Amino acid sequence: MRKLFNTKVIIILVVAALITAGLTIASGVGMQTIPGTVMQVIMAPVKAVGTGLANTIAADTIVVCCGKVLGKPRDAEDARRMLSLLSGRDHQVMTGCTVMRGSRAVTFTEVTDLHFRPLLPQEIRRYILTGEPMDKAGAYGIQGGAALFCQRMEGDYYNVMGLPLCRLGQVLRDMAPEIWEDEAK
């Protein structure tokens, strides 16, 4: 059976993404930013990694609802405020992503549209008590308990989780074609 991609190369990219994610947190770059500056937030950790890695991926995600940018909640009350704002409304998840290979960089933003059903106060309270919302933009994880809140979605599901895999795969195909080559060559 043939593999979809060269796993030896893709593992390097996954490690680079994890290292970059750690630097994003350590650098103190906040997620409370306006959508127009998401790319600046993304470029900071990429530049911080330096040229020690052949392939580097950095990504950061925000949620936008009613013109308000929602990063990670500061505390349970902030999470309640965010989830109440999202309740019964459309919103967008935006992930800025930069892929670096040597001196070449490709930067893009992926947007996914979602609609949450109206949420009861006790549902919000119960969800916050799980702790799940506390480290996520918009105070929810679509892959977890908040899957019960989403009525509609248009766009990349993985973008809502924080890494737009479909678009990222296209960029990697163009920047690093050897990822898609057979290992036997």
N, C-alpha and C. Protein backbone atom coordinates (compact mmCIF):
# COMPACT_ATOMS: atom_id res chain seq x y z
N MET A 1 0.83 -1.17 0.00
CA MET A 1 0.00 0.00 0.00
C MET A 1 0.89 1.25 0.00
N ARG A 2 0.57 2.22 -0.83
CA ARG A 2 1.36 3.45 -0.93
C ARG A 2 0.92 4.45 0.13
N LYS A 3 1.87 5.17 0.67
CA LYS A 3 1.59 6.22 1.64
C LYS A 3 1.21 7.50 0.91
N LEU A 4 0.43 8.33 1.56
CA LEU A 4 0.02 9.61 0.99
C LEU A 4 1.18 10.59 0.91
N PHE A 5 2.07 10.55 1.93
CA PHE A 5 3.19 11.48 1.95
C PHE A 5 4.39 10.81 2.58
N ASN A 6 5.54 11.43 2.41
CA ASN A 6 6.80 10.94 2.96
C ASN A 6 6.83 11.24 4.45
N THR A 7 6.64 10.23 5.29
CA THR A 7 6.50 10.44 6.73
C THR A 7 7.78 10.97 7.37
N LYS A 8 8.94 10.68 6.84
CA LYS A 8 10.17 11.19 7.43
C LYS A 8 10.21 12.71 7.38
N VAL A 9 9.72 13.30 6.33
CA VAL A 9 9.71 14.75 6.20
C VAL A 9 8.60 15.35 7.04
N ILE A 10 7.42 14.77 7.02
CA ILE A 10 6.29 15.35 7.73
C ILE A 10 6.52 15.36 9.24
N ILE A 11 7.25 14.39 9.78
CA ILE A 11 7.54 14.37 11.22
C ILE A 11 8.35 15.60 11.61
N ILE A 12 9.28 15.99 10.79
CA ILE A 12 10.06 17.21 11.06
C ILE A 12 9.12 18.40 11.15
N LEU A 13 8.14 18.48 10.28
CA LEU A 13 7.21 19.59 10.28
C LEU A 13 6.34 19.60 11.52
N VAL A 14 5.91 18.44 11.97
CA VAL A 14 5.09 18.37 13.18
C VAL A 14 5.90 18.82 14.38
N VAL A 15 7.13 18.37 14.51
CA VAL A 15 7.99 18.80 15.61
C VAL A 15 8.19 20.31 15.55
N ALA A 16 8.43 20.85 14.37
CA ALA A 16 8.62 22.28 14.23
C ALA A 16 7.37 23.03 14.68
N ALA A 17 6.20 22.52 14.36
CA ALA A 17 4.96 23.17 14.76
C ALA A 17 4.81 23.17 16.27
N LEU A 18 5.18 22.07 16.93
CA LEU A 18 5.08 22.00 18.38
C LEU A 18 6.06 22.96 19.04
N ILE A 19 7.27 23.04 18.52
CA ILE A 19 8.26 23.97 19.07
C ILE A 19 7.75 25.40 18.92
N THR A 20 7.23 25.72 17.74
CA THR A 20 6.73 27.06 17.49
C THR A 20 5.57 27.39 18.40
N ALA A 21 4.67 26.44 18.63
CA ALA A 21 3.53 26.67 19.51
C ALA A 21 4.02 27.01 20.92
N GLY A 22 5.05 26.33 21.39
CA GLY A 22 5.62 26.63 22.69
C GLY A 22 6.20 28.02 22.76
N LEU A 23 6.86 28.45 21.70
CA LEU A 23 7.43 29.79 21.67
C LEU A 23 6.35 30.85 21.61
N THR A 24 5.24 30.56 20.97
CA THR A 24 4.14 31.52 20.93
C THR A 24 3.68 31.82 22.35
N ILE A 25 3.54 30.80 23.17
CA ILE A 25 3.09 30.98 24.54
C ILE A 25 4.18 31.67 25.35
N ALA A 26 5.43 31.23 25.21
CA ALA A 26 6.53 31.78 25.99
C ALA A 26 6.82 33.23 25.65
N SER A 27 6.58 33.63 24.41
CA SER A 27 6.92 34.98 24.00
C SER A 27 5.96 36.02 24.55
N GLY A 28 4.82 35.58 25.09
CA GLY A 28 3.87 36.52 25.66
C GLY A 28 3.05 37.24 24.61
N VAL A 29 3.09 36.79 23.37
CA VAL A 29 2.28 37.41 22.33
C VAL A 29 0.83 37.05 22.62
N GLY A 30 -0.01 38.06 22.86
CA GLY A 30 -1.40 37.80 23.23
C GLY A 30 -2.26 37.50 22.03
N MET A 31 -3.39 36.87 22.29
CA MET A 31 -4.33 36.59 21.22
C MET A 31 -5.39 37.68 21.11
N GLN A 32 -5.40 38.64 22.02
CA GLN A 32 -6.33 39.75 21.91
C GLN A 32 -5.77 40.74 20.89
N THR A 33 -6.08 40.52 19.66
CA THR A 33 -5.56 41.34 18.58
C THR A 33 -6.64 41.47 17.53
N ILE A 34 -6.52 42.45 16.68
CA ILE A 34 -7.52 42.60 15.62
C ILE A 34 -7.13 41.73 14.44
N PRO A 35 -8.11 41.26 13.65
CA PRO A 35 -7.81 40.32 12.56
C PRO A 35 -6.72 40.80 11.61
N GLY A 36 -6.61 42.09 11.39
CA GLY A 36 -5.61 42.62 10.47
C GLY A 36 -4.19 42.41 10.95
N THR A 37 -3.99 42.16 12.25
CA THR A 37 -2.63 41.98 12.77
C THR A 37 -2.33 40.54 13.14
N VAL A 38 -3.21 39.62 12.82
CA VAL A 38 -2.96 38.21 13.14
C VAL A 38 -1.64 37.76 12.52
N MET A 39 -1.35 38.22 11.30
CA MET A 39 -0.12 37.79 10.64
C MET A 39 1.12 38.26 11.40
N GLN A 40 1.07 39.43 12.01
CA GLN A 40 2.20 39.89 12.81
C GLN A 40 2.40 38.97 14.01
N VAL A 41 1.30 38.55 14.61
CA VAL A 41 1.39 37.62 15.74
C VAL A 41 2.01 36.31 15.29
N ILE A 42 1.64 35.86 14.09
CA ILE A 42 2.15 34.59 13.58
C ILE A 42 3.63 34.69 13.23
N MET A 43 4.05 35.80 12.67
CA MET A 43 5.45 35.91 12.23
C MET A 43 6.42 35.98 13.41
N ALA A 44 6.03 36.51 14.55
CA ALA A 44 6.94 36.66 15.69
C ALA A 44 7.54 35.32 16.12
N PRO A 45 6.73 34.29 16.39
CA PRO A 45 7.35 33.02 16.80
C PRO A 45 8.12 32.35 15.68
N VAL A 46 7.70 32.55 14.44
CA VAL A 46 8.44 31.95 13.32
C VAL A 46 9.84 32.53 13.28
N LYS A 47 9.96 33.83 13.41
CA LYS A 47 11.28 34.48 13.40
C LYS A 47 12.09 34.07 14.61
N ALA A 48 11.41 33.85 15.74
CA ALA A 48 12.10 33.46 16.97
C ALA A 48 12.75 32.09 16.85
N VAL A 49 12.16 31.20 16.07
CA VAL A 49 12.72 29.86 15.90
C VAL A 49 14.07 29.94 15.20
N GLY A 50 14.23 30.89 14.28
CA GLY A 50 15.48 31.06 13.57
C GLY A 50 15.63 30.06 12.44
N THR A 51 16.84 29.94 11.96
CA THR A 51 17.08 29.08 10.81
C THR A 51 17.54 27.69 11.21
N GLY A 52 17.44 27.34 12.47
CA GLY A 52 17.85 26.01 12.93
C GLY A 52 16.97 24.89 12.40
N LEU A 53 15.76 25.23 11.95
CA LEU A 53 14.86 24.22 11.43
C LEU A 53 14.65 24.46 9.95
N ALA A 54 14.68 23.40 9.16
CA ALA A 54 14.49 23.53 7.72
C ALA A 54 13.05 23.94 7.39
N ASN A 55 12.10 23.44 8.13
CA ASN A 55 10.69 23.72 7.89
C ASN A 55 10.06 24.15 9.21
N THR A 56 9.38 25.29 9.18
CA THR A 56 8.75 25.80 10.38
C THR A 56 7.31 26.18 10.07
N ILE A 57 6.39 25.80 10.94
CA ILE A 57 4.98 26.17 10.81
C ILE A 57 4.59 26.88 12.09
N ALA A 58 3.97 28.05 11.95
CA ALA A 58 3.43 28.76 13.11
C ALA A 58 1.99 29.12 12.81
N ALA A 59 1.13 29.02 13.82
CA ALA A 59 -0.28 29.34 13.62
C ALA A 59 -0.86 29.90 14.91
N ASP A 60 -1.84 30.78 14.76
CA ASP A 60 -2.56 31.31 15.90
C ASP A 60 -3.99 31.56 15.47
N THR A 61 -4.93 31.37 16.39
CA THR A 61 -6.36 31.40 16.06
C THR A 61 -7.09 32.41 16.94
N ILE A 62 -8.06 33.10 16.33
CA ILE A 62 -8.97 33.97 17.06
C ILE A 62 -10.40 33.64 16.64
N VAL A 63 -11.34 34.06 17.45
CA VAL A 63 -12.76 33.96 17.14
C VAL A 63 -13.29 35.39 17.07
N VAL A 64 -14.13 35.67 16.06
CA VAL A 64 -14.71 37.00 15.91
C VAL A 64 -16.23 36.87 15.89
N CYS A 65 -16.90 37.61 16.79
CA CYS A 65 -18.36 37.59 16.88
C CYS A 65 -18.85 39.01 17.16
N CYS A 66 -19.78 39.46 16.35
CA CYS A 66 -20.36 40.80 16.54
C CYS A 66 -19.28 41.88 16.58
N GLY A 67 -18.24 41.72 15.77
CA GLY A 67 -17.16 42.70 15.71
C GLY A 67 -16.18 42.63 16.86
N LYS A 68 -16.34 41.68 17.77
CA LYS A 68 -15.43 41.53 18.91
C LYS A 68 -14.48 40.37 18.68
N VAL A 69 -13.23 40.61 18.97
CA VAL A 69 -12.21 39.57 18.86
C VAL A 69 -12.11 38.83 20.19
N LEU A 70 -12.26 37.51 20.12
CA LEU A 70 -12.21 36.68 21.32
C LEU A 70 -10.96 35.80 21.28
N GLY A 71 -10.07 36.06 22.21
CA GLY A 71 -8.91 35.18 22.36
C GLY A 71 -9.22 34.13 23.40
N LYS A 72 -8.21 33.77 24.18
CA LYS A 72 -8.42 32.81 25.27
C LYS A 72 -8.99 33.56 26.47
N PRO A 73 -9.92 32.94 27.19
CA PRO A 73 -10.50 33.63 28.35
C PRO A 73 -9.48 33.79 29.48
N ARG A 74 -9.59 34.91 30.19
CA ARG A 74 -8.70 35.18 31.33
C ARG A 74 -9.09 34.34 32.55
N ASP A 75 -10.41 34.10 32.69
CA ASP A 75 -10.91 33.36 33.85
C ASP A 75 -12.30 32.82 33.49
N ALA A 76 -12.95 32.18 34.45
CA ALA A 76 -14.26 31.56 34.21
C ALA A 76 -15.31 32.60 33.82
N GLU A 77 -15.27 33.76 34.42
CA GLU A 77 -16.25 34.81 34.09
C GLU A 77 -16.05 35.29 32.66
N ASP A 78 -14.81 35.41 32.23
CA ASP A 78 -14.53 35.81 30.85
C ASP A 78 -15.02 34.73 29.88
N ALA A 79 -14.84 33.47 30.24
CA ALA A 79 -15.34 32.36 29.41
C ALA A 79 -16.86 32.41 29.32
N ARG A 80 -17.53 32.68 30.44
CA ARG A 80 -18.99 32.80 30.44
C ARG A 80 -19.44 33.94 29.52
N ARG A 81 -18.74 35.07 29.60
CA ARG A 81 -19.06 36.22 28.75
C ARG A 81 -18.92 35.86 27.28
N MET A 82 -17.84 35.18 26.92
CA MET A 82 -17.61 34.80 25.52
C MET A 82 -18.67 33.82 25.02
N LEU A 83 -18.94 32.78 25.80
CA LEU A 83 -19.92 31.77 25.38
C LEU A 83 -21.32 32.37 25.29
N SER A 84 -21.64 33.30 26.18
CA SER A 84 -22.94 33.98 26.11
C SER A 84 -23.04 34.82 24.86
N LEU A 85 -21.95 35.46 24.47
CA LEU A 85 -21.93 36.24 23.23
C LEU A 85 -22.14 35.34 22.01
N LEU A 86 -21.52 34.16 22.01
CA LEU A 86 -21.62 33.23 20.88
C LEU A 86 -22.99 32.54 20.81
N SER A 87 -23.68 32.46 21.92
CA SER A 87 -24.96 31.76 22.01
C SER A 87 -25.98 32.30 21.01
N GLY A 88 -26.46 31.42 20.12
CA GLY A 88 -27.48 31.78 19.14
C GLY A 88 -26.98 32.67 18.01
N ARG A 89 -25.67 32.76 17.83
CA ARG A 89 -25.13 33.69 16.84
C ARG A 89 -24.15 33.02 15.88
N ASP A 90 -23.99 33.71 14.74
CA ASP A 90 -22.94 33.37 13.79
C ASP A 90 -21.62 33.95 14.31
N HIS A 91 -20.53 33.29 13.99
CA HIS A 91 -19.21 33.84 14.27
C HIS A 91 -18.20 33.24 13.30
N GLN A 92 -17.01 33.79 13.32
CA GLN A 92 -15.94 33.30 12.46
C GLN A 92 -14.74 32.89 13.30
N VAL A 93 -14.10 31.81 12.86
CA VAL A 93 -12.82 31.40 13.42
C VAL A 93 -11.77 31.70 12.36
N MET A 94 -10.75 32.47 12.75
CA MET A 94 -9.69 32.87 11.82
C MET A 94 -8.36 32.36 12.35
N THR A 95 -7.66 31.63 11.51
CA THR A 95 -6.33 31.15 11.87
C THR A 95 -5.33 31.74 10.88
N GLY A 96 -4.36 32.46 11.43
CA GLY A 96 -3.25 32.94 10.62
C GLY A 96 -2.15 31.90 10.69
N CYS A 97 -1.55 31.62 9.56
CA CYS A 97 -0.54 30.56 9.50
C CYS A 97 0.62 31.02 8.63
N THR A 98 1.83 30.76 9.07
CA THR A 98 3.03 31.02 8.28
C THR A 98 3.83 29.73 8.19
N VAL A 99 4.25 29.42 6.97
CA VAL A 99 5.13 28.27 6.73
C VAL A 99 6.44 28.83 6.22
N MET A 100 7.54 28.47 6.89
CA MET A 100 8.87 28.93 6.45
C MET A 100 9.70 27.73 6.03
N ARG A 101 10.40 27.94 4.95
CA ARG A 101 11.34 26.93 4.44
C ARG A 101 12.55 27.71 3.96
N GLY A 102 13.62 27.61 4.73
CA GLY A 102 14.79 28.43 4.41
C GLY A 102 14.43 29.89 4.55
N SER A 103 14.68 30.66 3.50
CA SER A 103 14.37 32.10 3.54
C SER A 103 12.99 32.40 2.96
N ARG A 104 12.29 31.40 2.48
CA ARG A 104 10.96 31.60 1.88
C ARG A 104 9.86 31.43 2.92
N ALA A 105 8.89 32.33 2.91
CA ALA A 105 7.76 32.24 3.83
C ALA A 105 6.47 32.45 3.07
N VAL A 106 5.47 31.65 3.40
CA VAL A 106 4.12 31.82 2.86
C VAL A 106 3.21 32.02 4.06
N THR A 107 2.43 33.10 4.02
CA THR A 107 1.52 33.43 5.11
C THR A 107 0.11 33.51 4.56
N PHE A 108 -0.84 32.94 5.31
CA PHE A 108 -2.24 32.98 4.87
C PHE A 108 -3.15 32.99 6.09
N THR A 109 -4.40 33.36 5.86
CA THR A 109 -5.44 33.31 6.89
C THR A 109 -6.56 32.42 6.38
N GLU A 110 -7.00 31.49 7.19
CA GLU A 110 -8.14 30.63 6.86
C GLU A 110 -9.31 31.04 7.75
N VAL A 111 -10.49 31.15 7.16
CA VAL A 111 -11.68 31.57 7.89
C VAL A 111 -12.75 30.49 7.79
N THR A 112 -13.34 30.14 8.92
CA THR A 112 -14.44 29.18 8.98
C THR A 112 -15.62 29.88 9.65
N ASP A 113 -16.79 29.77 9.04
CA ASP A 113 -18.02 30.35 9.59
C ASP A 113 -18.78 29.30 10.39
N LEU A 114 -19.26 29.68 11.57
CA LEU A 114 -20.02 28.77 12.43
C LEU A 114 -21.26 29.46 12.98
N HIS A 115 -22.21 28.66 13.40
CA HIS A 115 -23.39 29.17 14.10
C HIS A 115 -23.64 28.28 15.31
N PHE A 116 -23.71 28.91 16.49
CA PHE A 116 -24.06 28.19 17.71
C PHE A 116 -25.55 28.31 17.96
N ARG A 117 -26.15 27.24 18.41
CA ARG A 117 -27.54 27.28 18.83
C ARG A 117 -27.61 28.10 20.12
N PRO A 118 -28.81 28.55 20.50
CA PRO A 118 -28.92 29.25 21.80
C PRO A 118 -28.51 28.31 22.94
N LEU A 119 -27.69 28.82 23.84
CA LEU A 119 -27.19 28.02 24.96
C LEU A 119 -27.87 28.44 26.25
N LEU A 120 -28.24 27.47 27.05
CA LEU A 120 -28.81 27.76 28.36
C LEU A 120 -27.70 28.14 29.34
N PRO A 121 -27.99 29.02 30.29
CA PRO A 121 -26.95 29.41 31.27
C PRO A 121 -26.33 28.21 31.99
N GLN A 122 -27.16 27.20 32.31
CA GLN A 122 -26.61 26.03 33.01
C GLN A 122 -25.70 25.21 32.10
N GLU A 123 -25.95 25.21 30.77
CA GLU A 123 -25.04 24.52 29.84
C GLU A 123 -23.68 25.22 29.82
N ILE A 124 -23.71 26.53 29.78
CA ILE A 124 -22.47 27.31 29.77
C ILE A 124 -21.71 27.06 31.06
N ARG A 125 -22.40 27.12 32.20
CA ARG A 125 -21.77 26.91 33.49
C ARG A 125 -21.14 25.51 33.57
N ARG A 126 -21.90 24.50 33.16
CA ARG A 126 -21.41 23.11 33.19
C ARG A 126 -20.18 22.94 32.29
N TYR A 127 -20.24 23.55 31.11
CA TYR A 127 -19.10 23.45 30.18
C TYR A 127 -17.85 24.11 30.76
N ILE A 128 -18.02 25.26 31.36
CA ILE A 128 -16.87 25.95 31.97
C ILE A 128 -16.27 25.12 33.09
N LEU A 129 -17.10 24.44 33.86
CA LEU A 129 -16.61 23.60 34.96
C LEU A 129 -15.73 22.45 34.48
N THR A 130 -15.85 22.05 33.20
CA THR A 130 -14.98 21.00 32.67
C THR A 130 -13.54 21.50 32.52
N GLY A 131 -13.36 22.82 32.47
CA GLY A 131 -12.03 23.40 32.25
C GLY A 131 -11.64 23.49 30.80
N GLU A 132 -12.41 22.84 29.93
CA GLU A 132 -12.06 22.80 28.51
C GLU A 132 -11.96 24.18 27.85
N PRO A 133 -12.81 25.13 28.19
CA PRO A 133 -12.76 26.42 27.48
C PRO A 133 -11.56 27.30 27.82
N MET A 134 -10.86 27.01 28.88
CA MET A 134 -9.91 27.96 29.44
C MET A 134 -8.64 28.19 28.62
N ASP A 135 -8.31 27.30 27.71
CA ASP A 135 -7.09 27.50 26.93
C ASP A 135 -7.39 27.59 25.43
N LYS A 136 -8.62 28.01 25.10
CA LYS A 136 -9.04 28.02 23.70
C LYS A 136 -9.61 29.36 23.30
N ALA A 137 -9.26 29.82 22.12
CA ALA A 137 -9.83 31.06 21.59
C ALA A 137 -11.34 30.93 21.53
N GLY A 138 -12.04 31.96 21.97
CA GLY A 138 -13.49 31.93 21.97
C GLY A 138 -14.07 31.11 23.09
N ALA A 139 -13.24 30.54 23.93
CA ALA A 139 -13.65 29.75 25.10
C ALA A 139 -14.37 28.46 24.72
N TYR A 140 -14.00 27.88 23.58
CA TYR A 140 -14.59 26.57 23.26
C TYR A 140 -13.68 25.72 22.39
N GLY A 141 -13.86 24.40 22.53
CA GLY A 141 -13.16 23.43 21.69
C GLY A 141 -14.20 22.65 20.91
N ILE A 142 -14.22 22.84 19.60
CA ILE A 142 -15.21 22.18 18.75
C ILE A 142 -15.05 20.66 18.80
N GLN A 143 -13.83 20.18 19.07
CA GLN A 143 -13.55 18.76 19.11
C GLN A 143 -13.97 18.12 20.43
N GLY A 144 -14.44 18.96 21.37
CA GLY A 144 -14.84 18.45 22.67
C GLY A 144 -16.32 18.72 22.93
N GLY A 145 -16.60 19.18 24.14
CA GLY A 145 -17.97 19.41 24.56
C GLY A 145 -18.72 20.43 23.72
N ALA A 146 -18.03 21.40 23.16
CA ALA A 146 -18.70 22.44 22.35
C ALA A 146 -19.22 21.89 21.02
N ALA A 147 -18.89 20.67 20.69
CA ALA A 147 -19.48 20.05 19.49
C ALA A 147 -21.01 20.03 19.62
N LEU A 148 -21.50 20.01 20.84
CA LEU A 148 -22.95 20.01 21.07
C LEU A 148 -23.59 21.38 20.85
N PHE A 149 -22.77 22.43 20.70
CA PHE A 149 -23.28 23.79 20.55
C PHE A 149 -23.41 24.23 19.09
N CYS A 150 -22.64 23.62 18.22
CA CYS A 150 -22.52 24.10 16.83
C CYS A 150 -23.63 23.51 15.95
N GLN A 151 -24.46 24.39 15.39
CA GLN A 151 -25.53 23.94 14.48
C GLN A 151 -25.05 23.88 13.03
N ARG A 152 -24.21 24.83 12.64
CA ARG A 152 -23.75 24.89 11.24
C ARG A 152 -22.28 25.30 11.20
N MET A 153 -21.63 24.80 10.17
CA MET A 153 -20.24 25.18 9.94
C MET A 153 -19.98 25.16 8.44
N GLU A 154 -19.28 26.19 7.98
CA GLU A 154 -18.83 26.20 6.60
C GLU A 154 -17.35 26.53 6.60
N GLY A 155 -16.55 25.59 6.10
CA GLY A 155 -15.11 25.77 6.09
C GLY A 155 -14.41 24.58 6.70
N ASP A 156 -13.14 24.74 6.95
CA ASP A 156 -12.27 23.68 7.43
C ASP A 156 -12.48 23.42 8.92
N TYR A 157 -12.96 22.23 9.26
CA TYR A 157 -13.15 21.83 10.65
C TYR A 157 -11.85 21.97 11.44
N TYR A 158 -10.74 21.55 10.84
CA TYR A 158 -9.46 21.59 11.53
C TYR A 158 -8.99 23.02 11.77
N ASN A 159 -9.46 23.97 10.97
CA ASN A 159 -9.17 25.37 11.23
C ASN A 159 -9.75 25.78 12.58
N VAL A 160 -10.94 25.29 12.90
CA VAL A 160 -11.58 25.62 14.17
C VAL A 160 -10.78 25.01 15.32
N MET A 161 -10.10 23.92 15.07
CA MET A 161 -9.24 23.30 16.09
C MET A 161 -7.89 24.01 16.20
N GLY A 162 -7.57 24.89 15.24
CA GLY A 162 -6.36 25.69 15.35
C GLY A 162 -5.31 25.50 14.28
N LEU A 163 -5.51 24.55 13.35
CA LEU A 163 -4.55 24.37 12.28
C LEU A 163 -5.29 23.94 11.01
N PRO A 164 -5.40 24.85 10.03
CA PRO A 164 -6.16 24.55 8.81
C PRO A 164 -5.43 23.56 7.92
N LEU A 165 -5.65 22.28 8.15
CA LEU A 165 -4.87 21.24 7.50
C LEU A 165 -5.01 21.20 5.99
N CYS A 166 -6.20 21.42 5.47
CA CYS A 166 -6.39 21.36 4.02
C CYS A 166 -5.52 22.41 3.32
N ARG A 167 -5.64 23.65 3.74
CA ARG A 167 -4.85 24.74 3.14
C ARG A 167 -3.36 24.55 3.43
N LEU A 168 -3.03 24.14 4.64
CA LEU A 168 -1.63 23.90 4.98
C LEU A 168 -1.03 22.83 4.08
N GLY A 169 -1.79 21.77 3.81
CA GLY A 169 -1.31 20.72 2.91
C GLY A 169 -1.03 21.24 1.51
N GLN A 170 -1.85 22.15 1.02
CA GLN A 170 -1.63 22.74 -0.30
C GLN A 170 -0.37 23.58 -0.31
N VAL A 171 -0.16 24.36 0.75
CA VAL A 171 1.04 25.20 0.84
C VAL A 171 2.28 24.32 0.91
N LEU A 172 2.23 23.27 1.73
CA LEU A 172 3.38 22.37 1.84
C LEU A 172 3.67 21.66 0.53
N ARG A 173 2.62 21.29 -0.20
CA ARG A 173 2.81 20.64 -1.51
C ARG A 173 3.59 21.56 -2.44
N ASP A 174 3.28 22.86 -2.40
CA ASP A 174 3.97 23.81 -3.27
C ASP A 174 5.37 24.15 -2.78
N MET A 175 5.53 24.27 -1.46
CA MET A 175 6.83 24.68 -0.91
C MET A 175 7.81 23.52 -0.75
N ALA A 176 7.30 22.34 -0.45
CA ALA A 176 8.15 21.19 -0.15
C ALA A 176 7.62 19.96 -0.88
N PRO A 177 7.75 19.92 -2.20
CA PRO A 177 7.17 18.82 -2.96
C PRO A 177 7.69 17.43 -2.56
N GLU A 178 8.87 17.37 -1.96
CA GLU A 178 9.42 16.07 -1.57
C GLU A 178 8.58 15.39 -0.49
N ILE A 179 7.76 16.15 0.22
CA ILE A 179 6.86 15.55 1.21
C ILE A 179 5.94 14.54 0.54
N TRP A 180 5.55 14.82 -0.69
CA TRP A 180 4.56 14.00 -1.38
C TRP A 180 5.21 12.93 -2.24
N GLU A 181 6.55 12.88 -2.26
CA GLU A 181 7.25 11.89 -3.08
C GLU A 181 7.30 10.55 -2.35
N ASP A 182 7.47 9.49 -3.11
CA ASP A 182 7.64 8.15 -2.54
C ASP A 182 8.97 8.09 -1.79
N GLU A 183 8.97 7.42 -0.66
CA GLU A 183 10.19 7.24 0.12
C GLU A 183 11.18 6.34 -0.61
N ALA A 184 10.71 5.47 -1.47
CA ALA A 184 11.57 4.49 -2.14
C ALA A 184 12.48 5.12 -3.18
N LYS A 185 12.17 6.32 -3.63
CA LYS A 185 12.99 6.94 -4.69
C LYS A 185 14.39 7.22 -4.23
